[in-house]
Amino acid sequence: MASLLKTDKISTTAGGAQEFTLPAADGTSGQVLQTDGSGVLSVAALAADTVGVSQISATGTASSSTFLRGDNAWAAAGGDNSPSFRATNGSNQNITHNTWTKLVADTENWDTDTAYDNSTYRFTVPAGEGGKYLFFYGAYFEGGLGQDKAAEVSLYINNVNDNRCIMRTGASDLADSRIHGMSFPIALVATDYVECFLRQHGGSTSTCLANFAYFGGMKLIGI
């Protein structure tokens, strides 16, 4: 029968380090504990596989695809470019001459973080997700535009037109006019919001065809 030792306190010899060996279940030498000269206890050695994953107190979920970060949280290796989203216009939209008009992208294809609002047609950076983002967008104007006319698609950031993101197509009496564009990396912080706007210079109203206009984006990692 193993003996049981109960004590309220272990005191070290003044000025000297002490070493305590905790026996393993089979009676052999197990974990070694040491004290320094001031009586601070530390682990000197741990046997292999002494600490199991279930004994680690950390946030998140341990699995074969996660690792333990320095902030004591289980996290997936690498990144997944989220938040990300894509939405299209579910019906035709009339775009008046020379007027920036928000794209009614009300049909979501995906929205990883519920950060895109398909009633206001707006993507808002979630809390804790500030960083560099890349957006893509396009439109298809039915009936085309007259000679030397143009159509444009642009991003508005916090309700301000980011002129660096304007994509433009010139028409030459084509049957239809299409625009496909992509932004350069944009640095955003939480609560910043992004919308897609259209404009055309055909002289009259032009129709943006349903399901052919789109707006989407994703967070970039590693930059």
Protein backbone atom coordinates (compact mmCIF):
# COMPACT_ATOMS: atom_id res chain seq x y z
CA MET A 1 0.00 0.00 0.00
CA ALA A 2 1.30 3.45 -0.93
CA SER A 3 1.75 5.90 1.89
CA LEU A 4 0.02 9.31 1.90
CA LEU A 5 1.82 12.50 2.84
CA LYS A 6 -0.25 15.48 3.90
CA THR A 7 1.27 18.86 4.76
CA ASP A 8 0.28 22.52 4.84
CA LYS A 9 3.65 23.92 3.80
CA ILE A 10 7.13 22.87 2.69
CA SER A 11 9.90 25.28 3.69
CA THR A 12 13.30 25.44 2.06
CA THR A 13 16.57 25.79 3.88
CA ALA A 14 17.49 29.46 4.07
CA GLY A 15 19.60 30.49 1.09
CA GLY A 16 19.62 27.04 -0.46
CA ALA A 17 17.77 25.36 -3.33
CA GLN A 18 15.74 22.23 -2.74
CA GLU A 19 14.68 19.47 -5.10
CA PHE A 20 11.61 17.26 -4.78
CA THR A 21 10.91 14.19 -6.88
CA LEU A 22 7.30 13.16 -7.28
CA PRO A 23 7.15 9.41 -7.87
CA ALA A 24 5.28 8.00 -10.83
CA ALA A 25 2.37 5.59 -10.42
CA ASP A 26 4.69 2.59 -10.78
CA GLY A 27 6.99 3.84 -8.04
CA THR A 28 9.79 4.99 -10.34
CA SER A 29 11.09 8.56 -10.44
CA GLY A 30 8.58 10.92 -11.99
CA GLN A 31 8.29 14.69 -12.19
CA VAL A 32 11.07 16.71 -10.60
CA LEU A 33 10.27 20.00 -8.86
CA GLN A 34 12.91 22.47 -7.76
CA THR A 35 13.01 25.59 -5.63
CA ASP A 36 15.47 28.39 -6.06
CA GLY A 37 17.19 30.10 -3.19
CA SER A 38 14.13 32.24 -2.51
CA GLY A 39 11.79 29.28 -2.31
CA VAL A 40 10.13 29.72 -5.73
CA LEU A 41 8.96 26.37 -7.05
CA SER A 42 9.53 25.44 -10.68
CA VAL A 43 9.27 22.32 -12.84
CA ALA A 44 12.75 21.00 -13.61
CA ALA A 45 11.74 18.16 -15.88
CA LEU A 46 8.60 16.63 -17.33
CA ALA A 47 8.28 13.06 -18.49
CA ALA A 48 7.20 12.56 -22.10
CA ASP A 49 3.43 12.97 -22.67
CA THR A 50 2.94 14.12 -19.05
CA VAL A 51 0.61 17.00 -20.08
CA GLY A 52 -2.28 16.08 -22.32
CA VAL A 53 -4.29 18.41 -24.56
CA SER A 54 -7.28 18.08 -22.24
CA GLN A 55 -5.19 19.54 -19.40
CA ILE A 56 -4.40 22.75 -21.30
CA SER A 57 -6.75 25.61 -20.50
CA ALA A 58 -7.12 27.64 -23.70
CA THR A 59 -9.83 29.32 -25.77
CA GLY A 60 -11.05 27.76 -28.99
CA THR A 61 -11.14 24.08 -29.91
CA ALA A 62 -8.16 21.77 -30.16
CA SER A 63 -8.12 19.57 -33.28
CA SER A 64 -5.80 18.11 -35.89
CA SER A 65 -6.07 21.36 -37.89
CA THR A 66 -5.41 23.87 -35.08
CA PHE A 67 -2.37 24.97 -33.09
CA LEU A 68 -1.90 26.73 -29.75
CA ARG A 69 -0.98 30.39 -30.24
CA GLY A 70 1.11 32.52 -27.92
CA ASP A 71 -2.05 34.19 -26.59
CA ASN A 72 -3.27 30.80 -25.32
CA ALA A 73 -5.87 30.30 -28.04
CA TRP A 74 -6.39 27.40 -30.44
CA ALA A 75 -6.38 28.72 -34.01
CA ALA A 76 -6.40 27.33 -37.54
CA ALA A 77 -3.08 27.34 -39.33
CA GLY A 78 -2.74 29.86 -42.14
CA GLY A 79 -5.79 31.93 -43.06
CA ASP A 80 -9.00 31.73 -45.06
CA ASN A 81 -9.42 35.25 -46.50
CA SER A 82 -12.53 35.91 -44.45
CA PRO A 83 -14.57 38.02 -44.10
CA SER A 84 -15.58 37.55 -47.72
CA PHE A 85 -18.82 38.01 -49.65
CA ARG A 86 -20.37 38.24 -53.11
CA ALA A 87 -23.77 39.56 -54.14
CA THR A 88 -25.61 40.22 -57.41
CA ASN A 89 -28.59 42.32 -58.47
CA GLY A 90 -31.73 40.18 -58.44
CA SER A 91 -33.63 42.40 -60.89
CA ASN A 92 -32.97 44.95 -63.62
CA GLN A 93 -31.89 48.35 -62.39
CA ASN A 94 -32.30 51.64 -64.26
CA ILE A 95 -29.24 53.90 -64.18
CA THR A 96 -29.89 57.51 -65.11
CA HIS A 97 -27.50 59.60 -67.18
CA ASN A 98 -24.46 61.07 -65.41
CA THR A 99 -25.64 60.10 -61.89
CA TRP A 100 -23.75 57.84 -59.49
CA THR A 101 -26.30 55.21 -58.41
CA LYS A 102 -25.73 52.51 -55.81
CA LEU A 103 -25.83 48.98 -57.19
CA VAL A 104 -28.82 47.11 -55.78
CA ALA A 105 -26.86 43.92 -55.07
CA ASP A 106 -29.61 42.28 -53.03
CA THR A 107 -28.93 38.60 -53.74
CA GLU A 108 -26.09 37.13 -51.70
CA ASN A 109 -24.00 34.32 -53.15
CA TRP A 110 -22.07 34.00 -49.90
CA ASP A 111 -21.31 36.07 -46.81
CA THR A 112 -18.90 34.38 -44.39
CA ASP A 113 -19.26 36.79 -41.47
CA THR A 114 -22.72 38.27 -42.07
CA ALA A 115 -20.89 41.51 -42.81
CA TYR A 116 -22.77 42.32 -46.02
CA ASP A 117 -26.24 43.86 -45.68
CA ASN A 118 -28.36 42.96 -48.72
CA SER A 119 -30.97 45.57 -47.78
CA THR A 120 -28.56 48.53 -47.79
CA TYR A 121 -26.14 46.87 -50.29
CA ARG A 122 -23.24 47.61 -47.98
CA PHE A 123 -20.26 45.67 -46.61
CA THR A 124 -19.11 46.73 -43.13
CA VAL A 125 -15.80 45.62 -41.63
CA PRO A 126 -16.62 43.57 -38.48
CA ALA A 127 -15.02 44.22 -35.10
CA GLY A 128 -11.50 42.80 -34.95
CA GLU A 129 -11.29 42.38 -38.75
CA GLY A 130 -9.44 45.52 -39.77
CA GLY A 131 -6.73 45.04 -42.41
CA LYS A 132 -6.18 44.98 -46.16
CA TYR A 133 -9.16 44.12 -48.40
CA LEU A 134 -9.61 43.41 -52.10
CA PHE A 135 -12.95 44.07 -53.84
CA PHE A 136 -14.30 43.01 -57.24
CA TYR A 137 -17.29 44.37 -59.13
CA GLY A 138 -18.94 44.52 -62.52
CA ALA A 139 -22.03 45.51 -64.49
CA TYR A 140 -23.76 44.75 -67.78
CA PHE A 141 -25.67 47.58 -69.50
CA GLU A 142 -28.37 46.39 -71.89
CA GLY A 143 -28.56 48.03 -75.29
CA GLY A 144 -25.08 49.49 -75.03
CA LEU A 145 -24.18 53.15 -75.22
CA GLY A 146 -23.75 55.54 -78.08
CA GLN A 147 -20.49 56.35 -79.85
CA ASP A 148 -17.92 58.00 -77.54
CA LYS A 149 -20.12 57.41 -74.49
CA ALA A 150 -19.01 55.57 -71.35
CA ALA A 151 -20.19 53.59 -68.33
CA GLU A 152 -18.41 53.41 -64.97
CA VAL A 153 -18.35 51.32 -61.80
CA SER A 154 -16.70 52.57 -58.61
CA LEU A 155 -16.40 51.87 -54.89
CA TYR A 156 -17.63 54.27 -52.24
CA ILE A 157 -15.82 53.99 -48.89
CA ASN A 158 -17.72 55.52 -45.98
CA ASN A 159 -19.95 57.26 -48.55
CA VAL A 160 -17.00 58.85 -50.37
CA ASN A 161 -16.18 57.90 -53.96
CA ASP A 162 -12.76 56.28 -54.11
CA ASN A 163 -11.75 57.65 -57.49
CA ARG A 164 -8.78 55.28 -57.63
CA CYS A 165 -11.22 52.36 -58.01
CA ILE A 166 -13.24 53.65 -60.98
CA MET A 167 -13.47 51.18 -63.85
CA ARG A 168 -14.69 52.65 -67.16
CA THR A 169 -15.65 51.28 -70.55
CA GLY A 170 -16.05 53.30 -73.72
CA ALA A 171 -18.72 52.22 -76.21
CA SER A 172 -18.68 52.18 -79.97
CA ASP A 173 -22.33 51.57 -80.69
CA LEU A 174 -22.00 48.05 -79.29
CA ALA A 175 -25.09 46.00 -78.62
CA ASP A 176 -24.16 45.76 -74.94
CA SER A 177 -21.59 47.32 -72.60
CA ARG A 178 -19.86 45.32 -69.89
CA ILE A 179 -17.53 46.36 -67.10
CA HIS A 180 -15.44 44.05 -64.92
CA GLY A 181 -13.12 45.51 -62.33
CA MET A 182 -11.07 44.85 -59.24
CA SER A 183 -9.65 47.21 -56.64
CA PHE A 184 -6.09 47.35 -55.38
CA PRO A 185 -5.59 46.40 -51.67
CA ILE A 186 -7.48 48.86 -49.47
CA ALA A 187 -6.64 49.33 -45.77
CA LEU A 188 -9.81 49.40 -43.68
CA VAL A 189 -10.64 49.40 -39.97
CA ALA A 190 -13.64 48.07 -38.07
CA THR A 191 -16.93 49.89 -38.90
CA ASP A 192 -15.62 51.17 -42.26
CA TYR A 193 -18.19 50.40 -44.96
CA VAL A 194 -17.94 49.87 -48.71
CA GLU A 195 -20.60 50.14 -51.43
CA CYS A 196 -20.62 49.77 -55.21
CA PHE A 197 -21.92 52.57 -57.45
CA LEU A 198 -22.68 52.80 -61.19
CA ARG A 199 -22.78 55.71 -63.62
CA GLN A 200 -23.33 55.97 -67.36
CA HIS A 201 -23.03 58.78 -69.90
CA GLY A 202 -25.40 57.59 -72.60
CA GLY A 203 -27.58 60.67 -72.57
CA SER A 204 -30.63 58.84 -71.24
CA THR A 205 -31.53 56.05 -68.82
CA SER A 206 -29.76 52.71 -69.33
CA THR A 207 -30.69 49.31 -67.86
CA CYS A 208 -28.25 47.30 -65.77
CA LEU A 209 -29.28 43.69 -66.33
CA ALA A 210 -30.29 41.43 -63.43
CA ASN A 211 -27.83 38.79 -62.27
CA PHE A 212 -25.02 40.27 -64.38
CA ALA A 213 -23.97 43.04 -62.01
CA TYR A 214 -22.02 41.91 -58.95
CA PHE A 215 -20.12 43.20 -55.93
CA GLY A 216 -17.83 41.22 -53.66
CA GLY A 217 -14.68 41.31 -51.61
CA MET A 218 -12.36 39.50 -49.23
CA LYS A 219 -9.82 40.18 -46.53
CA LEU A 220 -6.20 39.62 -47.56
CA ILE A 221 -3.73 37.79 -45.35
CA GLY A 222 0.04 38.06 -45.16
CA ILE A 223 0.33 41.65 -46.37
